[in-house]
Every structure is written in C-alpha cells, then in structure tokens.
Amino acid sequence: MEIGQTYTSSRLVTAEMLAINVGSGDLPVLATPAMIALMENAAMLCVSDSIPADSTTVGGHMNCSHLHPTAEHQTIKATATLVAIEGRKLTFHVVASDDKGMISE
C-alpha cells in the first residue's frame, strides 16, 4: 500500500439512485447517499488488493459537499487517492464527477 495510489469507480445513474426514490429528497436527481456510496466504493477498492485477504475497510468519517445535481442516465465517477496511512487508519481524498464536472470532494 502506497501514498498516492488511486482507484476510480463509475456508475450510470439509474432510477433507484434518485433522491425521490431513495427518500433523501423530492427531486429526480442523484441522491447524496448514492453519491457517497460510490465514493466509499472507490476508497475501498483503492486498497483492496493491498490489505490481507481476511480484512476489509469501513468508512469512519466523511466530509463532503454535493455541489450540483446529476440527472438520471448520466455517468458518475469517484476517484479515491490514498493520502495518509496511520497504523490501520487510512485517509483518502475522493473526488466525484459527472458529465459536467466535479460534483463532490
């Protein structure tokens, strides 16, 4: 495991990911919880090949903003970069984007 390693997860925004269907809002746009799940997925997969087979990662703290809405049928991407290792604690910088640019960091 090395500082600076990255991983990008991507997903097409589908109806089940919309705020109106998730219950986190009343608009047909990407739900913040769905965006955060993709960001956590990128962080998990960033180090999955570097940790013991009987280990996993869990999110302990996240601080982000959801900057603009993403419509259904757009692709969202989340790129996680490992920025710090303190014993078992790993810190990532994660940026999410859609077809128009950055939507979260």
PDB file of N, CA and C in Angstrom:
ATOM      1  N   MET A   1       0.851  -1.164   0.000  1.00  0.00           N
ATOM      2  CA  MET A   1       0.000   0.000   0.000  1.00  0.00           C
ATOM      3  C   MET A   1       0.902   1.234   0.000  1.00  0.00           C
ATOM      4  N   GLU A   2       0.600   2.188  -0.889  1.00  0.00           N
ATOM      5  CA  GLU A   2       1.446   3.360  -1.025  1.00  0.00           C
ATOM      6  C   GLU A   2       0.618   4.639  -1.091  1.00  0.00           C
ATOM      7  N   ILE A   3       1.120   5.676  -0.432  1.00  0.00           N
ATOM      8  CA  ILE A   3       0.515   7.001  -0.556  1.00  0.00           C
ATOM      9  C   ILE A   3       0.489   7.354  -2.043  1.00  0.00           C
ATOM     10  N   GLY A   4      -0.623   7.887  -2.486  1.00  0.00           N
ATOM     11  CA  GLY A   4      -0.751   8.303  -3.878  1.00  0.00           C
ATOM     12  C   GLY A   4      -1.465   7.314  -4.777  1.00  0.00           C
ATOM     13  N   GLN A   5      -1.644   6.067  -4.315  1.00  0.00           N
ATOM     14  CA  GLN A   5      -2.354   5.126  -5.179  1.00  0.00           C
ATOM     15  C   GLN A   5      -3.806   5.564  -5.320  1.00  0.00           C
ATOM     16  N   THR A   6      -4.391   5.281  -6.484  1.00  0.00           N
ATOM     17  CA  THR A   6      -5.749   5.735  -6.787  1.00  0.00           C
ATOM     18  C   THR A   6      -6.605   4.608  -7.331  1.00  0.00           C
ATOM     19  N   TYR A   7      -7.903   4.839  -7.283  1.00  0.00           N
ATOM     20  CA  TYR A   7      -8.860   3.931  -7.910  1.00  0.00           C
ATOM     21  C   TYR A   7     -10.072   4.765  -8.308  1.00  0.00           C
ATOM     22  N   THR A   8     -10.644   4.481  -9.472  1.00  0.00           N
ATOM     23  CA  THR A   8     -11.851   5.173  -9.930  1.00  0.00           C
ATOM     24  C   THR A   8     -12.984   4.170 -10.097  1.00  0.00           C
ATOM     25  N   SER A   9     -14.103   4.451  -9.439  1.00  0.00           N
ATOM     26  CA  SER A   9     -15.339   3.689  -9.612  1.00  0.00           C
ATOM     27  C   SER A   9     -16.289   4.540 -10.438  1.00  0.00           C
ATOM     28  N   SER A  10     -17.060   3.905 -11.309  1.00  0.00           N
ATOM     29  CA  SER A  10     -18.040   4.655 -12.098  1.00  0.00           C
ATOM     30  C   SER A  10     -19.350   3.888 -12.157  1.00  0.00           C
ATOM     31  N   ARG A  11     -20.403   4.637 -12.375  1.00  0.00           N
ATOM     32  CA  ARG A  11     -21.729   4.028 -12.414  1.00  0.00           C
ATOM     33  C   ARG A  11     -22.684   4.932 -13.182  1.00  0.00           C
ATOM     34  N   LEU A  12     -23.567   4.328 -13.932  1.00  0.00           N
ATOM     35  CA  LEU A  12     -24.635   5.060 -14.605  1.00  0.00           C
ATOM     36  C   LEU A  12     -25.719   5.363 -13.581  1.00  0.00           C
ATOM     37  N   VAL A  13     -26.191   6.606 -13.533  1.00  0.00           N
ATOM     38  CA  VAL A  13     -27.257   6.973 -12.602  1.00  0.00           C
ATOM     39  C   VAL A  13     -28.564   6.356 -13.084  1.00  0.00           C
ATOM     40  N   THR A  14     -29.139   5.510 -12.249  1.00  0.00           N
ATOM     41  CA  THR A  14     -30.402   4.830 -12.566  1.00  0.00           C
ATOM     42  C   THR A  14     -31.507   5.328 -11.635  1.00  0.00           C
ATOM     43  N   ALA A  15     -32.723   4.944 -11.935  1.00  0.00           N
ATOM     44  CA  ALA A  15     -33.883   5.419 -11.179  1.00  0.00           C
ATOM     45  C   ALA A  15     -33.774   5.127  -9.688  1.00  0.00           C
ATOM     46  N   GLU A  16     -33.212   3.969  -9.321  1.00  0.00           N
ATOM     47  CA  GLU A  16     -33.130   3.640  -7.892  1.00  0.00           C
ATOM     48  C   GLU A  16     -32.115   4.497  -7.144  1.00  0.00           C
ATOM     49  N   MET A  17     -31.282   5.263  -7.863  1.00  0.00           N
ATOM     50  CA  MET A  17     -30.290   6.142  -7.241  1.00  0.00           C
ATOM     51  C   MET A  17     -30.787   7.579  -7.083  1.00  0.00           C
ATOM     52  N   LEU A  18     -32.001   7.865  -7.531  1.00  0.00           N
ATOM     53  CA  LEU A  18     -32.526   9.226  -7.485  1.00  0.00           C
ATOM     54  C   LEU A  18     -33.060   9.568  -6.102  1.00  0.00           C
ATOM     55  N   ALA A  19     -32.891  10.827  -5.717  1.00  0.00           N
ATOM     56  CA  ALA A  19     -33.306  11.287  -4.383  1.00  0.00           C
ATOM     57  C   ALA A  19     -34.778  10.989  -4.113  1.00  0.00           C
ATOM     58  N   ILE A  20     -35.611  11.170  -5.088  1.00  0.00           N
ATOM     59  CA  ILE A  20     -37.038  10.936  -4.905  1.00  0.00           C
ATOM     60  C   ILE A  20     -37.334   9.467  -4.590  1.00  0.00           C
ATOM     61  N   ASN A  21     -36.499   8.553  -5.087  1.00  0.00           N
ATOM     62  CA  ASN A  21     -36.706   7.123  -4.851  1.00  0.00           C
ATOM     63  C   ASN A  21     -35.948   6.616  -3.632  1.00  0.00           C
ATOM     64  N   VAL A  22     -34.847   7.259  -3.287  1.00  0.00           N
ATOM     65  CA  VAL A  22     -34.063   6.872  -2.110  1.00  0.00           C
ATOM     66  C   VAL A  22     -34.732   7.380  -0.837  1.00  0.00           C
ATOM     67  N   GLY A  23     -35.464   8.492  -0.965  1.00  0.00           N
ATOM     68  CA  GLY A  23     -36.108   9.085   0.202  1.00  0.00           C
ATOM     69  C   GLY A  23     -35.300  10.207   0.822  1.00  0.00           C
ATOM     70  N   SER A  24     -34.261  10.650   0.125  1.00  0.00           N
ATOM     71  CA  SER A  24     -33.425  11.727   0.673  1.00  0.00           C
ATOM     72  C   SER A  24     -33.787  13.093   0.093  1.00  0.00           C
ATOM     73  N   GLY A  25     -34.795  13.136  -0.734  1.00  0.00           N
ATOM     74  CA  GLY A  25     -35.242  14.383  -1.351  1.00  0.00           C
ATOM     75  C   GLY A  25     -36.465  14.128  -2.197  1.00  0.00           C
ATOM     76  N   ASP A  26     -36.945  15.185  -2.847  1.00  0.00           N
ATOM     77  CA  ASP A  26     -38.158  15.018  -3.641  1.00  0.00           C
ATOM     78  C   ASP A  26     -37.944  15.363  -5.120  1.00  0.00           C
ATOM     79  N   LEU A  27     -36.688  15.300  -5.568  1.00  0.00           N
ATOM     80  CA  LEU A  27     -36.389  15.581  -6.968  1.00  0.00           C
ATOM     81  C   LEU A  27     -35.808  14.348  -7.655  1.00  0.00           C
ATOM     82  N   PRO A  28     -36.001  14.254  -8.967  1.00  0.00           N
ATOM     83  CA  PRO A  28     -35.444  13.123  -9.728  1.00  0.00           C
ATOM     84  C   PRO A  28     -33.989  13.374 -10.144  1.00  0.00           C
ATOM     85  N   VAL A  29     -33.113  13.559  -9.148  1.00  0.00           N
ATOM     86  CA  VAL A  29     -31.681  13.760  -9.367  1.00  0.00           C
ATOM     87  C   VAL A  29     -30.914  12.796  -8.462  1.00  0.00           C
ATOM     88  N   LEU A  30     -29.626  12.617  -8.738  1.00  0.00           N
ATOM     89  CA  LEU A  30     -28.793  11.726  -7.948  1.00  0.00           C
ATOM     90  C   LEU A  30     -28.903  12.046  -6.463  1.00  0.00           C
ATOM     91  N   ALA A  31     -29.204  11.028  -5.677  1.00  0.00           N
ATOM     92  CA  ALA A  31     -29.297  11.186  -4.224  1.00  0.00           C
ATOM     93  C   ALA A  31     -27.896  11.290  -3.623  1.00  0.00           C
ATOM     94  N   THR A  32     -27.734  12.170  -2.653  1.00  0.00           N
ATOM     95  CA  THR A  32     -26.443  12.311  -1.979  1.00  0.00           C
ATOM     96  C   THR A  32     -25.975  10.982  -1.391  1.00  0.00           C
ATOM     97  N   PRO A  33     -26.851  10.186  -0.738  1.00  0.00           N
ATOM     98  CA  PRO A  33     -26.378   8.888  -0.223  1.00  0.00           C
ATOM     99  C   PRO A  33     -25.834   7.960  -1.315  1.00  0.00           C
ATOM    100  N   ALA A  34     -26.409   8.016  -2.511  1.00  0.00           N
ATOM    101  CA  ALA A  34     -25.917   7.185  -3.613  1.00  0.00           C
ATOM    102  C   ALA A  34     -24.548   7.677  -4.086  1.00  0.00           C
ATOM    103  N   MET A  35     -24.360   8.989  -4.097  1.00  0.00           N
ATOM    104  CA  MET A  35     -23.069   9.553  -4.467  1.00  0.00           C
ATOM    105  C   MET A  35     -22.003   9.145  -3.452  1.00  0.00           C
ATOM    106  N   ILE A  36     -22.332   9.251  -2.176  1.00  0.00           N
ATOM    107  CA  ILE A  36     -21.389   8.894  -1.115  1.00  0.00           C
ATOM    108  C   ILE A  36     -21.045   7.409  -1.175  1.00  0.00           C
ATOM    109  N   ALA A  37     -22.020   6.564  -1.484  1.00  0.00           N
ATOM    110  CA  ALA A  37     -21.749   5.124  -1.598  1.00  0.00           C
ATOM    111  C   ALA A  37     -20.713   4.851  -2.686  1.00  0.00           C
ATOM    112  N   LEU A  38     -20.804   5.554  -3.815  1.00  0.00           N
ATOM    113  CA  LEU A  38     -19.822   5.358  -4.877  1.00  0.00           C
ATOM    114  C   LEU A  38     -18.449   5.861  -4.436  1.00  0.00           C
ATOM    115  N   MET A  39     -18.413   6.949  -3.694  1.00  0.00           N
ATOM    116  CA  MET A  39     -17.148   7.486  -3.196  1.00  0.00           C
ATOM    117  C   MET A  39     -16.499   6.495  -2.216  1.00  0.00           C
ATOM    118  N   GLU A  40     -17.298   5.908  -1.333  1.00  0.00           N
ATOM    119  CA  GLU A  40     -16.775   4.905  -0.406  1.00  0.00           C
ATOM    120  C   GLU A  40     -16.305   3.657  -1.148  1.00  0.00           C
ATOM    121  N   ASN A  41     -17.020   3.291  -2.207  1.00  0.00           N
ATOM    122  CA  ASN A  41     -16.624   2.142  -3.018  1.00  0.00           C
ATOM    123  C   ASN A  41     -15.250   2.359  -3.635  1.00  0.00           C
ATOM    124  N   ALA A  42     -15.005   3.557  -4.138  1.00  0.00           N
ATOM    125  CA  ALA A  42     -13.702   3.856  -4.741  1.00  0.00           C
ATOM    126  C   ALA A  42     -12.587   3.766  -3.697  1.00  0.00           C
ATOM    127  N   ALA A  43     -12.836   4.272  -2.485  1.00  0.00           N
ATOM    128  CA  ALA A  43     -11.827   4.195  -1.423  1.00  0.00           C
ATOM    129  C   ALA A  43     -11.559   2.741  -1.039  1.00  0.00           C
ATOM    130  N   MET A  44     -12.615   1.959  -0.892  1.00  0.00           N
ATOM    131  CA  MET A  44     -12.463   0.547  -0.535  1.00  0.00           C
ATOM    132  C   MET A  44     -11.633  -0.190  -1.589  1.00  0.00           C
ATOM    133  N   LEU A  45     -11.985   0.005  -2.859  1.00  0.00           N
ATOM    134  CA  LEU A  45     -11.294  -0.711  -3.930  1.00  0.00           C
ATOM    135  C   LEU A  45      -9.881  -0.184  -4.166  1.00  0.00           C
ATOM    136  N   CYS A  46      -9.612   1.030  -3.744  1.00  0.00           N
ATOM    137  CA  CYS A  46      -8.274   1.606  -3.884  1.00  0.00           C
ATOM    138  C   CYS A  46      -7.233   0.777  -3.145  1.00  0.00           C
ATOM    139  N   VAL A  47      -7.626   0.193  -2.019  1.00  0.00           N
ATOM    140  CA  VAL A  47      -6.659  -0.559  -1.201  1.00  0.00           C
ATOM    141  C   VAL A  47      -6.993  -2.033  -1.073  1.00  0.00           C
ATOM    142  N   SER A  48      -8.038  -2.490  -1.717  1.00  0.00           N
ATOM    143  CA  SER A  48      -8.480  -3.877  -1.518  1.00  0.00           C
ATOM    144  C   SER A  48      -7.411  -4.907  -1.864  1.00  0.00           C
ATOM    145  N   ASP A  49      -6.569  -4.621  -2.835  1.00  0.00           N
ATOM    146  CA  ASP A  49      -5.501  -5.561  -3.196  1.00  0.00           C
ATOM    147  C   ASP A  49      -4.290  -5.455  -2.270  1.00  0.00           C
ATOM    148  N   SER A  50      -4.285  -4.458  -1.387  1.00  0.00           N
ATOM    149  CA  SER A  50      -3.127  -4.198  -0.533  1.00  0.00           C
ATOM    150  C   SER A  50      -3.323  -4.614   0.920  1.00  0.00           C
ATOM    151  N   ILE A  51      -4.514  -5.084   1.252  1.00  0.00           N
ATOM    152  CA  ILE A  51      -4.777  -5.490   2.635  1.00  0.00           C
ATOM    153  C   ILE A  51      -4.926  -7.009   2.698  1.00  0.00           C
ATOM    154  N   PRO A  52      -4.749  -7.602   3.878  1.00  0.00           N
ATOM    155  CA  PRO A  52      -4.884  -9.064   3.983  1.00  0.00           C
ATOM    156  C   PRO A  52      -6.242  -9.550   3.490  1.00  0.00           C
ATOM    157  N   ALA A  53      -6.265 -10.757   2.957  1.00  0.00           N
ATOM    158  CA  ALA A  53      -7.489 -11.324   2.380  1.00  0.00           C
ATOM    159  C   ALA A  53      -8.627 -11.416   3.386  1.00  0.00           C
ATOM    160  N   ASP A  54      -8.303 -11.564   4.673  1.00  0.00           N
ATOM    161  CA  ASP A  54      -9.349 -11.676   5.693  1.00  0.00           C
ATOM    162  C   ASP A  54      -9.700 -10.328   6.314  1.00  0.00           C
ATOM    163  N   SER A  55      -9.278  -9.219   5.687  1.00  0.00           N
ATOM    164  CA  SER A  55      -9.562  -7.873   6.183  1.00  0.00           C
ATOM    165  C   SER A  55     -10.450  -7.119   5.212  1.00  0.00           C
ATOM    166  N   THR A  56     -11.006  -6.023   5.686  1.00  0.00           N
ATOM    167  CA  THR A  56     -11.815  -5.151   4.841  1.00  0.00           C
ATOM    168  C   THR A  56     -11.637  -3.722   5.328  1.00  0.00           C
ATOM    169  N   THR A  57     -12.304  -2.789   4.693  1.00  0.00           N
ATOM    170  CA  THR A  57     -12.288  -1.403   5.124  1.00  0.00           C
ATOM    171  C   THR A  57     -13.699  -0.988   5.512  1.00  0.00           C
ATOM    172  N   VAL A  58     -13.793   0.005   6.369  1.00  0.00           N
ATOM    173  CA  VAL A  58     -15.076   0.605   6.722  1.00  0.00           C
ATOM    174  C   VAL A  58     -14.884   2.114   6.745  1.00  0.00           C
ATOM    175  N   GLY A  59     -15.909   2.838   6.354  1.00  0.00           N
ATOM    176  CA  GLY A  59     -15.845   4.296   6.414  1.00  0.00           C
ATOM    177  C   GLY A  59     -16.073   4.763   7.841  1.00  0.00           C
ATOM    178  N   GLY A  60     -15.193   5.613   8.330  1.00  0.00           N
ATOM    179  CA  GLY A  60     -15.320   6.119   9.691  1.00  0.00           C
ATOM    180  C   GLY A  60     -15.706   7.581   9.759  1.00  0.00           C
ATOM    181  N   HIS A  61     -15.339   8.337   8.735  1.00  0.00           N
ATOM    182  CA  HIS A  61     -15.639   9.773   8.723  1.00  0.00           C
ATOM    183  C   HIS A  61     -15.614  10.244   7.278  1.00  0.00           C
ATOM    184  N   MET A  62     -16.580  11.086   6.922  1.00  0.00           N
ATOM    185  CA  MET A  62     -16.603  11.665   5.586  1.00  0.00           C
ATOM    186  C   MET A  62     -17.052  13.109   5.710  1.00  0.00           C
ATOM    187  N   ASN A  63     -16.366  13.981   5.011  1.00  0.00           N
ATOM    188  CA  ASN A  63     -16.724  15.387   4.981  1.00  0.00           C
ATOM    189  C   ASN A  63     -16.764  15.798   3.518  1.00  0.00           C
ATOM    190  N   CYS A  64     -17.948  16.084   3.001  1.00  0.00           N
ATOM    191  CA  CYS A  64     -18.055  16.450   1.597  1.00  0.00           C
ATOM    192  C   CYS A  64     -19.257  17.355   1.372  1.00  0.00           C
ATOM    193  N   SER A  65     -19.282  17.960   0.208  1.00  0.00           N
ATOM    194  CA  SER A  65     -20.419  18.764  -0.239  1.00  0.00           C
ATOM    195  C   SER A  65     -20.928  18.158  -1.534  1.00  0.00           C
ATOM    196  N   HIS A  66     -22.233  18.282  -1.743  1.00  0.00           N
ATOM    197  CA  HIS A  66     -22.841  17.843  -3.001  1.00  0.00           C
ATOM    198  C   HIS A  66     -23.110  19.122  -3.785  1.00  0.00           C
ATOM    199  N   LEU A  67     -22.284  19.402  -4.797  1.00  0.00           N
ATOM    200  CA  LEU A  67     -22.214  20.726  -5.404  1.00  0.00           C
ATOM    201  C   LEU A  67     -23.277  21.031  -6.459  1.00  0.00           C
ATOM    202  N   HIS A  68     -23.692  20.040  -7.215  1.00  0.00           N
ATOM    203  CA  HIS A  68     -24.763  20.288  -8.191  1.00  0.00           C
ATOM    204  C   HIS A  68     -25.467  18.984  -8.540  1.00  0.00           C
ATOM    205  N   PRO A  69     -26.694  19.070  -9.060  1.00  0.00           N
ATOM    206  CA  PRO A  69     -27.470  17.861  -9.341  1.00  0.00           C
ATOM    207  C   PRO A  69     -26.966  17.119 -10.572  1.00  0.00           C
ATOM    208  N   THR A  70     -27.193  15.813 -10.546  1.00  0.00           N
ATOM    209  CA  THR A  70     -26.865  14.946 -11.677  1.00  0.00           C
ATOM    210  C   THR A  70     -28.140  14.223 -12.081  1.00  0.00           C
ATOM    211  N   ALA A  71     -28.459  14.285 -13.349  1.00  0.00           N
ATOM    212  CA  ALA A  71     -29.689  13.678 -13.861  1.00  0.00           C
ATOM    213  C   ALA A  71     -29.526  12.179 -14.080  1.00  0.00           C
ATOM    214  N   GLU A  72     -30.646  11.498 -14.106  1.00  0.00           N
ATOM    215  CA  GLU A  72     -30.661  10.081 -14.457  1.00  0.00           C
ATOM    216  C   GLU A  72     -30.030   9.899 -15.839  1.00  0.00           C
ATOM    217  N   HIS A  73     -29.381   8.772 -16.041  1.00  0.00           N
ATOM    218  CA  HIS A  73     -28.729   8.369 -17.289  1.00  0.00           C
ATOM    219  C   HIS A  73     -27.362   9.027 -17.517  1.00  0.00           C
ATOM    220  N   GLN A  74     -26.903   9.874 -16.583  1.00  0.00           N
ATOM    221  CA  GLN A  74     -25.534  10.378 -16.669  1.00  0.00           C
ATOM    222  C   GLN A  74     -24.623   9.396 -15.943  1.00  0.00           C
ATOM    223  N   THR A  75     -23.365   9.396 -16.283  1.00  0.00           N
ATOM    224  CA  THR A  75     -22.387   8.555 -15.595  1.00  0.00           C
ATOM    225  C   THR A  75     -21.703   9.382 -14.522  1.00  0.00           C
ATOM    226  N   ILE A  76     -21.595   8.812 -13.327  1.00  0.00           N
ATOM    227  CA  ILE A  76     -20.829   9.456 -12.269  1.00  0.00           C
ATOM    228  C   ILE A  76     -19.579   8.629 -12.002  1.00  0.00           C
ATOM    229  N   LYS A  77     -18.516   9.329 -11.640  1.00  0.00           N
ATOM    230  CA  LYS A  77     -17.248   8.687 -11.327  1.00  0.00           C
ATOM    231  C   LYS A  77     -16.764   9.206  -9.985  1.00  0.00           C
ATOM    232  N   ALA A  78     -16.108   8.342  -9.233  1.00  0.00           N
ATOM    233  CA  ALA A  78     -15.474   8.745  -7.986  1.00  0.00           C
ATOM    234  C   ALA A  78     -14.049   8.223  -8.014  1.00  0.00           C
ATOM    235  N   THR A  79     -13.100   9.128  -7.819  1.00  0.00           N
ATOM    236  CA  THR A  79     -11.693   8.755  -7.788  1.00  0.00           C
ATOM    237  C   THR A  79     -11.156   8.978  -6.385  1.00  0.00           C
ATOM    238  N   ALA A  80     -10.677   7.891  -5.777  1.00  0.00           N
ATOM    239  CA  ALA A  80     -10.103   7.937  -4.435  1.00  0.00           C
ATOM    240  C   ALA A  80      -8.589   7.895  -4.540  1.00  0.00           C
ATOM    241  N   THR A  81      -7.941   8.748  -3.778  1.00  0.00           N
ATOM    242  CA  THR A  81      -6.483   8.766  -3.687  1.00  0.00           C
ATOM    243  C   THR A  81      -6.100   8.575  -2.226  1.00  0.00           C
ATOM    244  N   LEU A  82      -5.260   7.609  -1.944  1.00  0.00           N
ATOM    245  CA  LEU A  82      -4.775   7.374  -0.588  1.00  0.00           C
ATOM    246  C   LEU A  82      -3.784   8.480  -0.243  1.00  0.00           C
ATOM    247  N   VAL A  83      -4.084   9.258   0.810  1.00  0.00           N
ATOM    248  CA  VAL A  83      -3.234  10.403   1.148  1.00  0.00           C
ATOM    249  C   VAL A  83      -2.501  10.250   2.477  1.00  0.00           C
ATOM    250  N   ALA A  84      -2.943   9.313   3.342  1.00  0.00           N
ATOM    251  CA  ALA A  84      -2.251   9.123   4.618  1.00  0.00           C
ATOM    252  C   ALA A  84      -2.495   7.719   5.150  1.00  0.00           C
ATOM    253  N   ILE A  85      -1.470   7.201   5.817  1.00  0.00           N
ATOM    254  CA  ILE A  85      -1.561   5.904   6.495  1.00  0.00           C
ATOM    255  C   ILE A  85      -1.044   6.110   7.911  1.00  0.00           C
ATOM    256  N   GLU A  86      -1.914   5.864   8.896  1.00  0.00           N
ATOM    257  CA  GLU A  86      -1.541   5.963  10.307  1.00  0.00           C
ATOM    258  C   GLU A  86      -1.934   4.650  10.973  1.00  0.00           C
ATOM    259  N   GLY A  87      -1.015   3.690  11.011  1.00  0.00           N
ATOM    260  CA  GLY A  87      -1.354   2.367  11.517  1.00  0.00           C
ATOM    261  C   GLY A  87      -2.419   1.748  10.632  1.00  0.00           C
ATOM    262  N   ARG A  88      -3.573   1.428  11.235  1.00  0.00           N
ATOM    263  CA  ARG A  88      -4.686   0.861  10.461  1.00  0.00           C
ATOM    264  C   ARG A  88      -5.606   1.918   9.879  1.00  0.00           C
ATOM    265  N   LYS A  89      -5.398   3.175  10.239  1.00  0.00           N
ATOM    266  CA  LYS A  89      -6.240   4.262   9.747  1.00  0.00           C
ATOM    267  C   LYS A  89      -5.723   4.758   8.403  1.00  0.00           C
ATOM    268  N   LEU A  90      -6.603   4.740   7.411  1.00  0.00           N
ATOM    269  CA  LEU A  90      -6.270   5.200   6.065  1.00  0.00           C
ATOM    270  C   LEU A  90      -7.089   6.456   5.769  1.00  0.00           C
ATOM    271  N   THR A  91      -6.475   7.437   5.149  1.00  0.00           N
ATOM    272  CA  THR A  91      -7.173   8.664   4.785  1.00  0.00           C
ATOM    273  C   THR A  91      -7.121   8.821   3.268  1.00  0.00           C
ATOM    274  N   PHE A  92      -8.265   9.144   2.699  1.00  0.00           N
ATOM    275  CA  PHE A  92      -8.400   9.290   1.248  1.00  0.00           C
ATOM    276  C   PHE A  92      -8.889  10.688   0.900  1.00  0.00           C
ATOM    277  N   HIS A  93      -8.499  11.155  -0.264  1.00  0.00           N
ATOM    278  CA  HIS A  93      -9.122  12.316  -0.882  1.00  0.00           C
ATOM    279  C   HIS A  93      -9.931  11.737  -2.035  1.00  0.00           C
ATOM    280  N   VAL A  94     -11.227  12.023  -2.045  1.00  0.00           N
ATOM    281  CA  VAL A  94     -12.104  11.445  -3.057  1.00  0.00           C
ATOM    282  C   VAL A  94     -12.831  12.569  -3.788  1.00  0.00           C
ATOM    283  N   VAL A  95     -12.808  12.499  -5.103  1.00  0.00           N
ATOM    284  CA  VAL A  95     -13.498  13.473  -5.943  1.00  0.00           C
ATOM    285  C   VAL A  95     -14.527  12.735  -6.780  1.00  0.00           C
ATOM    286  N   ALA A  96     -15.754  13.233  -6.767  1.00  0.00           N
ATOM    287  CA  ALA A  96     -16.818  12.665  -7.600  1.00  0.00           C
ATOM    288  C   ALA A  96     -17.142  13.655  -8.712  1.00  0.00           C
ATOM    289  N   SER A  97     -17.441  13.121  -9.886  1.00  0.00           N
ATOM    290  CA  SER A  97     -17.774  13.981 -11.019  1.00  0.00           C
ATOM    291  C   SER A  97     -18.837  13.326 -11.884  1.00  0.00           C
ATOM    292  N   ASP A  98     -19.486  14.161 -12.695  1.00  0.00           N
ATOM    293  CA  ASP A  98     -20.427  13.655 -13.692  1.00  0.00           C
ATOM    294  C   ASP A  98     -20.010  14.231 -15.043  1.00  0.00           C
ATOM    295  N   ASP A  99     -20.888  14.163 -16.020  1.00  0.00           N
ATOM    296  CA  ASP A  99     -20.558  14.616 -17.366  1.00  0.00           C
ATOM    297  C   ASP A  99     -20.250  16.118 -17.433  1.00  0.00           C
ATOM    298  N   LYS A 100     -20.674  16.875 -16.422  1.00  0.00           N
ATOM    299  CA  LYS A 100     -20.475  18.330 -16.425  1.00  0.00           C
ATOM    300  C   LYS A 100     -19.292  18.775 -15.582  1.00  0.00           C
ATOM    301  N   GLY A 101     -18.704  17.853 -14.791  1.00  0.00           N
ATOM    302  CA  GLY A 101     -17.568  18.230 -13.959  1.00  0.00           C
ATOM    303  C   GLY A 101     -17.719  17.719 -12.539  1.00  0.00           C
ATOM    304  N   MET A 102     -16.941  18.319 -11.612  1.00  0.00           N
ATOM    305  CA  MET A 102     -16.926  17.863 -10.225  1.00  0.00           C
ATOM    306  C   MET A 102     -18.266  18.111  -9.534  1.00  0.00           C
ATOM    307  N   ILE A 103     -18.753  17.079  -8.820  1.00  0.00           N
ATOM    308  CA  ILE A 103     -19.987  17.220  -8.049  1.00  0.00           C
ATOM    309  C   ILE A 103     -19.751  17.112  -6.553  1.00  0.00           C
ATOM    310  N   SER A 104     -18.571  16.601  -6.163  1.00  0.00           N
ATOM    311  CA  SER A 104     -18.274  16.466  -4.740  1.00  0.00           C
ATOM    312  C   SER A 104     -16.790  16.235  -4.552  1.00  0.00           C
ATOM    313  N   GLU A 105     -16.305  16.579  -3.347  1.00  0.00           N
ATOM    314  CA  GLU A 105     -14.942  16.225  -2.965  1.00  0.00           C
ATOM    315  C   GLU A 105     -14.865  16.156  -1.469  1.00  0.00           C
TER     316      GLU A 105
END
